[in-house]
Structure formats: structure tokens, C-alpha cells
C-alpha atoms as a PDB file:
ATOM      1  CA  UNK A   1      21.483 -35.182  11.544  1.00  0.00           C
ATOM      2  CA  UNK A   2      20.728 -31.660  12.635  1.00  0.00           C
ATOM      3  CA  UNK A   3      22.224 -28.916  10.574  1.00  0.00           C
ATOM      4  CA  UNK A   4      24.512 -26.543  12.542  1.00  0.00           C
ATOM      5  CA  UNK A   5      23.461 -23.000  13.147  1.00  0.00           C
ATOM      6  CA  UNK A   6      25.409 -20.384  11.276  1.00  0.00           C
ATOM      7  CA  UNK A   7      28.182 -18.576  12.940  1.00  0.00           C
ATOM      8  CA  UNK A   8      27.643 -15.036  14.069  1.00  0.00           C
ATOM      9  CA  UNK A   9      28.374 -12.830  11.083  1.00  0.00           C
ATOM     10  CA  UNK A  10      30.686  -9.924  11.083  1.00  0.00           C
ATOM     11  CA  UNK A  11      31.298  -7.225   8.456  1.00  0.00           C
ATOM     12  CA  UNK A  12      32.200  -8.444   4.909  1.00  0.00           C
ATOM     13  CA  UNK A  13      31.371 -11.981   6.012  1.00  0.00           C
ATOM     14  CA  UNK A  14      30.376 -14.776   3.604  1.00  0.00           C
ATOM     15  CA  UNK A  15      29.824 -18.468   4.556  1.00  0.00           C
ATOM     16  CA  UNK A  16      28.457 -21.213   2.450  1.00  0.00           C
ATOM     17  CA  UNK A  17      27.680 -24.906   2.976  1.00  0.00           C
ATOM     18  CA  UNK A  18      24.950 -27.372   2.165  1.00  0.00           C
ATOM     19  CA  UNK A  19      22.688 -26.112   4.972  1.00  0.00           C
ATOM     20  CA  UNK A  20      22.858 -22.291   4.655  1.00  0.00           C
ATOM     21  CA  UNK A  21      24.430 -19.351   3.089  1.00  0.00           C
ATOM     22  CA  UNK A  22      25.089 -16.225   5.009  1.00  0.00           C
ATOM     23  CA  UNK A  23      25.842 -12.982   3.362  1.00  0.00           C
ATOM     24  CA  UNK A  24      26.520  -9.677   5.262  1.00  0.00           C
ATOM     25  CA  UNK A  25      26.829  -6.417   3.394  1.00  0.00           C
ATOM     26  CA  UNK A  26      29.158  -4.023   5.181  1.00  0.00           C
ATOM     27  CA  UNK A  27      27.839  -0.706   6.613  1.00  0.00           C
ATOM     28  CA  UNK A  28      29.485   2.229   7.996  1.00  0.00           C
ATOM     29  CA  UNK A  29      32.115   0.956  10.573  1.00  0.00           C
ATOM     30  CA  UNK A  30      30.647   3.030  13.472  1.00  0.00           C
ATOM     31  CA  UNK A  31      26.950   2.087  12.783  1.00  0.00           C
ATOM     32  CA  UNK A  32      24.841  -0.805  11.907  1.00  0.00           C
ATOM     33  CA  UNK A  33      23.011   1.235   9.261  1.00  0.00           C
ATOM     34  CA  UNK A  34      22.948  -0.175   5.747  1.00  0.00           C
ATOM     35  CA  UNK A  35      23.793  -3.659   6.818  1.00  0.00           C
ATOM     36  CA  UNK A  36      21.980  -6.743   5.439  1.00  0.00           C
ATOM     37  CA  UNK A  37      22.280 -10.307   6.677  1.00  0.00           C
ATOM     38  CA  UNK A  38      20.719 -13.222   4.645  1.00  0.00           C
ATOM     39  CA  UNK A  39      20.329 -16.852   5.410  1.00  0.00           C
ATOM     40  CA  UNK A  40      19.491 -19.224   2.601  1.00  0.00           C
ATOM     41  CA  UNK A  41      17.729 -22.629   3.482  1.00  0.00           C
ATOM     42  CA  UNK A  42      18.543 -22.383   7.145  1.00  0.00           C
ATOM     43  CA  UNK A  43      17.243 -24.760   9.742  1.00  0.00           C
ATOM     44  CA  UNK A  44      14.069 -23.606  11.445  1.00  0.00           C
ATOM     45  CA  UNK A  45      16.187 -23.066  14.603  1.00  0.00           C
ATOM     46  CA  UNK A  46      18.681 -20.945  12.816  1.00  0.00           C
ATOM     47  CA  UNK A  47      15.957 -18.943  11.179  1.00  0.00           C
ATOM     48  CA  UNK A  48      14.222 -18.326  14.443  1.00  0.00           C
ATOM     49  CA  UNK A  49      17.535 -17.172  16.027  1.00  0.00           C
ATOM     50  CA  UNK A  50      18.132 -14.777  12.994  1.00  0.00           C
ATOM     51  CA  UNK A  51      14.614 -13.412  13.189  1.00  0.00           C
ATOM     52  CA  UNK A  52      14.626 -12.940  16.934  1.00  0.00           C
ATOM     53  CA  UNK A  53      18.029 -11.112  16.771  1.00  0.00           C
ATOM     54  CA  UNK A  54      16.584  -8.857  13.917  1.00  0.00           C
ATOM     55  CA  UNK A  55      13.461  -8.005  15.995  1.00  0.00           C
ATOM     56  CA  UNK A  56      15.533  -7.355  19.019  1.00  0.00           C
ATOM     57  CA  UNK A  57      17.678  -4.924  17.099  1.00  0.00           C
ATOM     58  CA  UNK A  58      14.698  -3.260  15.314  1.00  0.00           C
ATOM     59  CA  UNK A  59      15.673  -4.417  11.933  1.00  0.00           C
ATOM     60  CA  UNK A  60      13.427  -4.907   8.905  1.00  0.00           C
ATOM     61  CA  UNK A  61      12.917  -8.687   8.733  1.00  0.00           C
ATOM     62  CA  UNK A  62      11.790 -10.762   5.783  1.00  0.00           C
ATOM     63  CA  UNK A  63      11.057 -14.532   5.642  1.00  0.00           C
ATOM     64  CA  UNK A  64      10.258 -16.611   2.604  1.00  0.00           C
ATOM     65  CA  UNK A  65       9.034 -20.143   2.839  1.00  0.00           C
ATOM     66  CA  UNK A  66       6.136 -22.537   3.016  1.00  0.00           C
ATOM     67  CA  UNK A  67       3.572 -21.457   5.623  1.00  0.00           C
ATOM     68  CA  UNK A  68       0.035 -21.179   6.680  1.00  0.00           C
ATOM     69  CA  UNK A  69      -1.546 -17.874   7.798  1.00  0.00           C
ATOM     70  CA  UNK A  70      -4.339 -17.415  10.407  1.00  0.00           C
ATOM     71  CA  UNK A  71      -5.833 -14.086  11.451  1.00  0.00           C
ATOM     72  CA  UNK A  72      -8.190 -13.528  14.308  1.00  0.00           C
ATOM     73  CA  UNK A  73      -9.615 -10.198  15.258  1.00  0.00           C
ATOM     74  CA  UNK A  74     -12.503  -8.152  13.770  1.00  0.00           C
ATOM     75  CA  UNK A  75     -13.007 -11.181  11.513  1.00  0.00           C
ATOM     76  CA  UNK A  76     -11.204 -14.566  11.096  1.00  0.00           C
ATOM     77  CA  UNK A  77      -9.360 -15.922   8.120  1.00  0.00           C
ATOM     78  CA  UNK A  78      -7.241 -19.008   7.329  1.00  0.00           C
ATOM     79  CA  UNK A  79      -4.829 -19.421   4.426  1.00  0.00           C
ATOM     80  CA  UNK A  80      -3.631 -22.893   3.902  1.00  0.00           C
ATOM     81  CA  UNK A  81      -0.006 -23.920   3.080  1.00  0.00           C
ATOM     82  CA  UNK A  82       1.712 -22.081   0.363  1.00  0.00           C
ATOM     83  CA  UNK A  83       4.987 -20.313  -0.558  1.00  0.00           C
ATOM     84  CA  UNK A  84       4.823 -16.804   0.832  1.00  0.00           C
ATOM     85  CA  UNK A  85       6.955 -13.709   1.698  1.00  0.00           C
ATOM     86  CA  UNK A  86       6.539 -12.228   5.139  1.00  0.00           C
ATOM     87  CA  UNK A  87       7.878  -8.764   6.067  1.00  0.00           C
ATOM     88  CA  UNK A  88       8.087  -7.537   9.684  1.00  0.00           C
ATOM     89  CA  UNK A  89       8.789  -3.809   9.931  1.00  0.00           C
ATOM     90  CA  UNK A  90      10.309  -2.045  13.019  1.00  0.00           C
ATOM     91  CA  UNK A  91       7.295   0.113  13.369  1.00  0.00           C
ATOM     92  CA  UNK A  92       5.182  -3.025  14.108  1.00  0.00           C
ATOM     93  CA  UNK A  93       3.614  -3.495  10.610  1.00  0.00           C
ATOM     94  CA  UNK A  94       3.447  -6.950   9.235  1.00  0.00           C
ATOM     95  CA  UNK A  95       2.794  -7.957   5.594  1.00  0.00           C
ATOM     96  CA  UNK A  96       2.107 -11.317   3.981  1.00  0.00           C
ATOM     97  CA  UNK A  97       2.659 -11.543   0.217  1.00  0.00           C
ATOM     98  CA  UNK A  98       2.117 -14.147  -2.335  1.00  0.00           C
ATOM     99  CA  UNK A  99       3.579 -14.294  -5.895  1.00  0.00           C
ATOM    100  CA  UNK A 100       0.582 -12.370  -7.367  1.00  0.00           C
ATOM    101  CA  UNK A 101      -0.748  -8.766  -7.074  1.00  0.00           C
ATOM    102  CA  UNK A 102       0.541  -5.779  -5.281  1.00  0.00           C
ATOM    103  CA  UNK A 103      -1.535  -6.044  -2.096  1.00  0.00           C
ATOM    104  CA  UNK A 104      -0.671  -8.319   0.776  1.00  0.00           C
ATOM    105  CA  UNK A 105      -3.050 -11.191   1.392  1.00  0.00           C
ATOM    106  CA  UNK A 106      -3.022 -10.430   5.099  1.00  0.00           C
ATOM    107  CA  UNK A 107      -1.399  -7.677   7.109  1.00  0.00           C
ATOM    108  CA  UNK A 108      -1.145  -5.861  10.523  1.00  0.00           C
ATOM    109  CA  UNK A 109      -0.808  -2.120  10.940  1.00  0.00           C
ATOM    110  CA  UNK A 110       2.097  -0.251  12.666  1.00  0.00           C
ATOM    111  CA  UNK A 111       2.070  -0.522  16.429  1.00  0.00           C
ATOM    112  CA  UNK A 112       1.788  -4.387  16.724  1.00  0.00           C
ATOM    113  CA  UNK A 113       4.249  -6.578  18.622  1.00  0.00           C
ATOM    114  CA  UNK A 114       6.177  -9.270  16.807  1.00  0.00           C
ATOM    115  CA  UNK A 115       7.300 -12.517  18.285  1.00  0.00           C
ATOM    116  CA  UNK A 116       8.946 -15.687  16.861  1.00  0.00           C
ATOM    117  CA  UNK A 117       9.430 -19.208  18.287  1.00  0.00           C
ATOM    118  CA  UNK A 118      10.025 -22.797  17.231  1.00  0.00           C
ATOM    119  CA  UNK A 119       7.510 -25.475  18.255  1.00  0.00           C
ATOM    120  CA  UNK A 120       7.102 -29.243  17.867  1.00  0.00           C
ATOM    121  CA  UNK A 121       9.472 -31.902  16.749  1.00  0.00           C
ATOM    122  CA  UNK A 122      10.940 -32.705  20.152  1.00  0.00           C
ATOM    123  CA  UNK A 123       8.401 -35.460  20.930  1.00  0.00           C
ATOM    124  CA  UNK A 124       8.903 -37.073  17.582  1.00  0.00           C
ATOM    125  CA  UNK A 125       5.176 -37.042  16.909  1.00  0.00           C
ATOM    126  CA  UNK A 126       4.544 -33.515  15.641  1.00  0.00           C
ATOM    127  CA  UNK A 127       6.479 -31.761  12.828  1.00  0.00           C
ATOM    128  CA  UNK A 128       8.714 -28.765  13.872  1.00  0.00           C
ATOM    129  CA  UNK A 129       7.505 -25.367  12.801  1.00  0.00           C
ATOM    130  CA  UNK A 130       8.599 -21.776  13.016  1.00  0.00           C
ATOM    131  CA  UNK A 131       5.811 -19.470  14.316  1.00  0.00           C
ATOM    132  CA  UNK A 132       5.684 -15.743  13.669  1.00  0.00           C
ATOM    133  CA  UNK A 133       3.057 -13.842  15.581  1.00  0.00           C
ATOM    134  CA  UNK A 134       2.012 -10.150  15.171  1.00  0.00           C
ATOM    135  CA  UNK A 135      -0.380  -8.992  18.007  1.00  0.00           C
ATOM    136  CA  UNK A 136      -2.345  -5.821  18.386  1.00  0.00           C
ATOM    137  CA  UNK A 137      -4.055  -4.985  21.574  1.00  0.00           C
ATOM    138  CA  UNK A 138      -6.466  -2.249  20.526  1.00  0.00           C
ATOM    139  CA  UNK A 139      -8.463  -3.678  18.874  1.00  0.00           C
ATOM    140  CA  UNK A 140      -7.518  -7.187  19.749  1.00  0.00           C
ATOM    141  CA  UNK A 141      -5.961  -8.719  16.604  1.00  0.00           C
ATOM    142  CA  UNK A 142      -3.622 -11.557  16.060  1.00  0.00           C
ATOM    143  CA  UNK A 143      -1.744 -12.651  12.928  1.00  0.00           C
ATOM    144  CA  UNK A 144      -0.101 -16.085  13.068  1.00  0.00           C
ATOM    145  CA  UNK A 145       2.244 -17.411  10.341  1.00  0.00           C
ATOM    146  CA  UNK A 146       3.458 -20.985  10.813  1.00  0.00           C
ATOM    147  CA  UNK A 147       6.384 -22.000   8.569  1.00  0.00           C
ATOM    148  CA  UNK A 148       7.053 -25.735   7.953  1.00  0.00           C
ATOM    149  CA  UNK A 149      10.066 -24.725   5.721  1.00  0.00           C
ATOM    150  CA  UNK A 150      12.065 -21.508   5.471  1.00  0.00           C
ATOM    151  CA  UNK A 151      14.003 -20.954   2.322  1.00  0.00           C
ATOM    152  CA  UNK A 152      15.411 -17.516   3.094  1.00  0.00           C
ATOM    153  CA  UNK A 153      15.544 -15.064   6.090  1.00  0.00           C
ATOM    154  CA  UNK A 154      16.968 -11.557   5.622  1.00  0.00           C
ATOM    155  CA  UNK A 155      17.365  -8.756   8.212  1.00  0.00           C
ATOM    156  CA  UNK A 156      18.077  -5.223   7.000  1.00  0.00           C
ATOM    157  CA  UNK A 157      19.385  -2.256   9.119  1.00  0.00           C
ATOM    158  CA  UNK A 158      18.785   1.044   7.411  1.00  0.00           C
ATOM    159  CA  UNK A 159      17.178   4.474   7.739  1.00  0.00           C
ATOM    160  CA  UNK A 160      15.012   6.629   5.548  1.00  0.00           C
ATOM    161  CA  UNK A 161      14.653  10.199   6.835  1.00  0.00           C
ATOM    162  CA  UNK A 162      12.899  11.475   3.782  1.00  0.00           C
ATOM    163  CA  UNK A 163       9.157  11.557   2.907  1.00  0.00           C
ATOM    164  CA  UNK A 164       7.592  10.873  -0.474  1.00  0.00           C
ATOM    165  CA  UNK A 165       7.038  14.080  -2.415  1.00  0.00           C
ATOM    166  CA  UNK A 166       4.036  13.676  -4.782  1.00  0.00           C
ATOM    167  CA  UNK A 167       3.762  15.734  -7.826  1.00  0.00           C
ATOM    168  CA  UNK A 168       1.208  15.719 -10.710  1.00  0.00           C
ATOM    169  CA  UNK A 169      -1.641  14.787  -8.466  1.00  0.00           C
ATOM    170  CA  UNK A 170      -5.344  15.697  -8.634  1.00  0.00           C
ATOM    171  CA  UNK A 171      -4.801  18.148  -5.804  1.00  0.00           C
ATOM    172  CA  UNK A 172      -2.202  19.852  -8.000  1.00  0.00           C
ATOM    173  CA  UNK A 173      -4.637  19.973 -10.785  1.00  0.00           C
ATOM    174  CA  UNK A 174      -7.363  21.390  -8.472  1.00  0.00           C
ATOM    175  CA  UNK A 175      -4.981  24.152  -7.331  1.00  0.00           C
ATOM    176  CA  UNK A 176      -4.061  25.000 -10.785  1.00  0.00           C
ATOM    177  CA  UNK A 177      -7.794  25.704 -11.671  1.00  0.00           C
ATOM    178  CA  UNK A 178      -8.310  27.587  -8.350  1.00  0.00           C
ATOM    179  CA  UNK A 179      -5.361  29.813  -9.084  1.00  0.00           C
ATOM    180  CA  UNK A 180      -6.473  30.334 -12.680  1.00  0.00           C
ATOM    181  CA  UNK A 181     -10.216  29.696 -13.080  1.00  0.00           C
ATOM    182  CA  UNK A 182     -10.225  30.806 -16.684  1.00  0.00           C
ATOM    183  CA  UNK A 183      -8.488  27.594 -17.541  1.00  0.00           C
ATOM    184  CA  UNK A 184     -11.853  25.943 -17.333  1.00  0.00           C
ATOM    185  CA  UNK A 185     -13.647  28.650 -19.213  1.00  0.00           C
ATOM    186  CA  UNK A 186     -13.730  32.489 -19.098  1.00  0.00           C
ATOM    187  CA  UNK A 187     -16.112  33.734 -16.352  1.00  0.00           C
ATOM    188  CA  UNK A 188     -15.882  30.572 -14.097  1.00  0.00           C
ATOM    189  CA  UNK A 189     -15.993  31.268 -10.420  1.00  0.00           C
ATOM    190  CA  UNK A 190     -14.940  28.500  -7.987  1.00  0.00           C
ATOM    191  CA  UNK A 191     -17.131  28.447  -4.958  1.00  0.00           C
ATOM    192  CA  UNK A 192     -16.181  25.302  -3.010  1.00  0.00           C
ATOM    193  CA  UNK A 193     -14.093  22.169  -3.100  1.00  0.00           C
ATOM    194  CA  UNK A 194     -15.210  18.733  -1.953  1.00  0.00           C
ATOM    195  CA  UNK A 195     -18.809  19.883  -1.836  1.00  0.00           C
ATOM    196  CA  UNK A 196     -20.786  17.081  -0.431  1.00  0.00           C
ATOM    197  CA  UNK A 197     -23.710  15.488  -2.412  1.00  0.00           C
ATOM    198  CA  UNK A 198     -25.495  12.147  -1.937  1.00  0.00           C
ATOM    199  CA  UNK A 199     -23.369  10.841  -4.695  1.00  0.00           C
ATOM    200  CA  UNK A 200     -20.080  11.784  -3.140  1.00  0.00           C
ATOM    201  CA  UNK A 201     -17.884  14.913  -2.896  1.00  0.00           C
ATOM    202  CA  UNK A 202     -17.495  17.223  -5.983  1.00  0.00           C
ATOM    203  CA  UNK A 203     -13.898  18.108  -6.737  1.00  0.00           C
ATOM    204  CA  UNK A 204     -14.741  21.799  -7.593  1.00  0.00           C
ATOM    205  CA  UNK A 205     -18.116  23.460  -7.417  1.00  0.00           C
ATOM    206  CA  UNK A 206     -18.687  26.905  -8.869  1.00  0.00           C
ATOM    207  CA  UNK A 207     -20.660  29.117 -11.287  1.00  0.00           C
ATOM    208  CA  UNK A 208     -20.207  30.189 -14.807  1.00  0.00           C
ATOM    209  CA  UNK A 209     -20.535  33.712 -16.078  1.00  0.00           C
ATOM    210  CA  UNK A 210     -24.329  33.340 -16.507  1.00  0.00           C
ATOM    211  CA  UNK A 211     -24.633  32.240 -12.791  1.00  0.00           C
ATOM    212  CA  UNK A 212     -25.292  28.524 -13.639  1.00  0.00           C
ATOM    213  CA  UNK A 213     -24.023  25.859 -11.322  1.00  0.00           C
ATOM    214  CA  UNK A 214     -20.826  24.044 -12.400  1.00  0.00           C
ATOM    215  CA  UNK A 215     -19.637  20.580 -11.329  1.00  0.00           C
ATOM    216  CA  UNK A 216     -15.907  19.931 -12.098  1.00  0.00           C
ATOM    217  CA  UNK A 217     -14.610  16.341 -12.072  1.00  0.00           C
ATOM    218  CA  UNK A 218     -10.730  16.125 -12.021  1.00  0.00           C
ATOM    219  CA  UNK A 219      -8.654  13.237 -13.200  1.00  0.00           C
ATOM    220  CA  UNK A 220      -4.809  13.252 -13.446  1.00  0.00           C
ATOM    221  CA  UNK A 221      -4.621  10.532 -16.139  1.00  0.00           C
ATOM    222  CA  UNK A 222      -6.407   9.584 -19.391  1.00  0.00           C
ATOM    223  CA  UNK A 223      -9.850   8.356 -18.526  1.00  0.00           C
ATOM    224  CA  UNK A 224     -12.797   6.496 -19.990  1.00  0.00           C
ATOM    225  CA  UNK A 225     -16.548   6.028 -19.614  1.00  0.00           C
ATOM    226  CA  UNK A 226     -16.365   5.421 -15.910  1.00  0.00           C
ATOM    227  CA  UNK A 227     -15.254   9.024 -15.279  1.00  0.00           C
ATOM    228  CA  UNK A 228     -18.204  10.386 -17.328  1.00  0.00           C
ATOM    229  CA  UNK A 229     -20.651   8.156 -15.254  1.00  0.00           C
ATOM    230  CA  UNK A 230     -19.166   9.594 -12.111  1.00  0.00           C
ATOM    231  CA  UNK A 231     -19.605  13.120 -13.311  1.00  0.00           C
ATOM    232  CA  UNK A 232     -23.213  12.357 -14.436  1.00  0.00           C
ATOM    233  CA  UNK A 233     -24.014  11.033 -10.804  1.00  0.00           C
ATOM    234  CA  UNK A 234     -22.647  14.340  -9.308  1.00  0.00           C
ATOM    235  CA  UNK A 235     -24.575  16.522 -11.720  1.00  0.00           C
ATOM    236  CA  UNK A 236     -27.864  14.487 -11.101  1.00  0.00           C
ATOM    237  CA  UNK A 237     -27.251  14.710  -7.257  1.00  0.00           C
ATOM    238  CA  UNK A 238     -26.758  18.387  -7.376  1.00  0.00           C
ATOM    239  CA  UNK A 239     -29.759  18.997  -9.492  1.00  0.00           C
ATOM    240  CA  UNK A 240     -31.821  17.245  -6.825  1.00  0.00           C
ATOM    241  CA  UNK A 241     -30.135  19.222  -4.129  1.00  0.00           C
ATOM    242  CA  UNK A 242     -30.882  22.514  -5.731  1.00  0.00           C
ATOM    243  CA  UNK A 243     -34.416  22.758  -7.402  1.00  0.00           C
ATOM    244  CA  UNK A 244     -36.266  21.308 -10.385  1.00  0.00           C
ATOM    245  CA  UNK A 245     -35.321  24.151 -12.675  1.00  0.00           C
ATOM    246  CA  UNK A 246     -31.695  24.328 -11.781  1.00  0.00           C
ATOM    247  CA  UNK A 247     -29.359  24.220 -14.672  1.00  0.00           C
ATOM    248  CA  UNK A 248     -26.107  22.313 -13.716  1.00  0.00           C
ATOM    249  CA  UNK A 249     -23.121  22.052 -16.155  1.00  0.00           C
ATOM    250  CA  UNK A 250     -20.610  19.278 -16.005  1.00  0.00           C
ATOM    251  CA  UNK A 251     -17.012  19.601 -16.742  1.00  0.00           C
ATOM    252  CA  UNK A 252     -14.453  16.781 -16.928  1.00  0.00           C
ATOM    253  CA  UNK A 253     -10.855  17.910 -16.669  1.00  0.00           C
ATOM    254  CA  UNK A 254      -8.118  15.332 -17.468  1.00  0.00           C
ATOM    255  CA  UNK A 255      -5.116  15.076 -19.750  1.00  0.00           C
ATOM    256  CA  UNK A 256      -7.085  13.094 -22.279  1.00  0.00           C
ATOM    257  CA  UNK A 257     -10.130  10.852 -22.732  1.00  0.00           C
ATOM    258  CA  UNK A 258     -11.094   7.822 -24.735  1.00  0.00           C
ATOM    259  CA  UNK A 259     -13.234   7.963 -27.833  1.00  0.00           C
ATOM    260  CA  UNK A 260     -16.104   6.287 -26.010  1.00  0.00           C
ATOM    261  CA  UNK A 261     -15.872   8.799 -23.249  1.00  0.00           C
ATOM    262  CA  UNK A 262     -15.983  11.627 -25.723  1.00  0.00           C
ATOM    263  CA  UNK A 263     -19.256  10.334 -27.098  1.00  0.00           C
ATOM    264  CA  UNK A 264     -20.828   9.890 -23.598  1.00  0.00           C
ATOM    265  CA  UNK A 265     -19.738  13.445 -22.767  1.00  0.00           C
ATOM    266  CA  UNK A 266     -21.507  14.636 -25.794  1.00  0.00           C
ATOM    267  CA  UNK A 267     -24.721  12.552 -25.095  1.00  0.00           C
ATOM    268  CA  UNK A 268     -25.003  14.042 -21.546  1.00  0.00           C
ATOM    269  CA  UNK A 269     -24.231  17.562 -22.659  1.00  0.00           C
ATOM    270  CA  UNK A 270     -20.962  17.629 -20.590  1.00  0.00           C
ATOM    271  CA  UNK A 271     -17.739  19.367 -21.616  1.00  0.00           C
ATOM    272  CA  UNK A 272     -14.123  18.177 -21.552  1.00  0.00           C
ATOM    273  CA  UNK A 273     -11.175  20.371 -20.839  1.00  0.00           C
ATOM    274  CA  UNK A 274      -7.791  18.851 -21.550  1.00  0.00           C
ATOM    275  CA  UNK A 275      -5.447  19.816 -18.760  1.00  0.00           C
ATOM    276  CA  UNK A 276      -2.534  18.158 -16.981  1.00  0.00           C
ATOM    277  CA  UNK A 277      -1.296  18.605 -13.486  1.00  0.00           C
ATOM    278  CA  UNK A 278       1.557  21.085 -13.266  1.00  0.00           C
ATOM    279  CA  UNK A 279       4.972  19.521 -13.680  1.00  0.00           C
ATOM    280  CA  UNK A 280       7.648  20.092 -11.020  1.00  0.00           C
END
């Protein structure tokens, strides 16, 4: 027997039966902002209707269930059936997450068009499935997620007018040294930031009181040998860019370094300056 589709929810609504659970959190009476609608273990048809309604109303839509994922565009990829969480954002972005890691296993950028439909099952020969597609026209890319089972669908209506304000970044640390060069050492003169070398861009390039070239590598957190190796590559590249007799000094600036990094700094003749990004 087919499970009935859930009734259309209103504010403060809660329904429960064997087929589904619908929970609606109320928003401001005059707006749909701050509302959330959740269906648990819905039929594919009910899930499709809820997703389509959310997309139509430009909601943030999330779907969790067993699905396959196919991508075709600049490359091609296939992910066989597994339990995954899919997020469709109003700006056109799409994210597919598993239960591991912080990065999505597949995604589409903002600007894509989302669509949902149910296929199969009517002829009795093919299994029904819910299909989510996220399509980008330039370049031509298509992400297709096919659900054989949906365990939860949620649609969220909200707004976030604020932007992330970062503090304590490497840029803050760079600006601190540019504002007060003596923090590195007395007589240091910054000459350039992001100076290009074959090994990459140097955070701060300058000269010491004796006119020797100085390479400054900045790190906002405690660092280990990798940071010293990176500094070594920059110093070597700059020495090749200048001339054979050029004396290039290397400085690593970070809140702290490991014991192994300290030994490597000494081995290479580099110097460490303990410095933290300015606090807000």
C-alpha cells in the first residue's frame, strides 16, 4: 500500500505516523524567514514534493538517504550506492557529503539550476527513484544524485546578512610587521610583499641594516619542519634570482615552532621570531 503524502504544514505544526514525521518551527508571523520543515522517512513522492516546494520558494534544502552520485563535465565520476547527505543552496550551489571528512565528495558551484523528479516504478519492472540534478551551463556540467531511499528531507527558510570577519590571519601578522618593522629586528626595511620567485611568493621581502636581502615567511599557528623547508626553498630561489655572492637571510615568524623545526632553523642559519597576529 502506498504511504500517504503528508498534509501541507502550517506554523507550529507537528504530525507523526508510521510513514513520516513533519515538524515545522514557527517563524515571524509576517515572513517565512526562520522556518524549518522536516520530513522523516517520507515516500519518494512526498520527498519529491517537499524538495520541489523548497526549491520553488528558494529555501535551503537538505536530503539524507541512500543514493548514487554521477558527475559529467570537465571530467566524469561515479559514486556507487551509499548513505549520503545532499545540500542544495538557494544560490545554486550543491554539496554531497558522506559521514567522513569536511570536504564534499562532489559539488557544484553557485549559479547552477536544481531540479527534482521521481522516475520508475510505474511499469512494475524498474525500481522507483528520486532524482536530483544540478546543472551548470558554462562550462557544461551536470551532477545527478539518484535516491533509492530517502530517510529525511528538510527545507530551511532563513537569511544571513552578515559576512565572516576574520581576525588573527597571516595578513594581520604581515600588516603588524609592515607597521612596525623593528618587530623582526632593528634596522629591517620591508621592500615588497608577495614577491614572486620560482618557488612561490615570498610573504615579505626586505633588507636588513647591512643591506642584505631578507626573506620573511609568516605562519599564524605553531609550525614544524615543513615551514622551515618552505622558507629554505624561498631563500634558495632568491639567491639564484640575485647573484652568486648574494647573502640572503631567512626569518620564520610564527607564534611558536616545534623542537625539530628549531634544529632545522639552526642547521640552515635561519632565524625564528616568535610573534602572534594581533588580537581583536
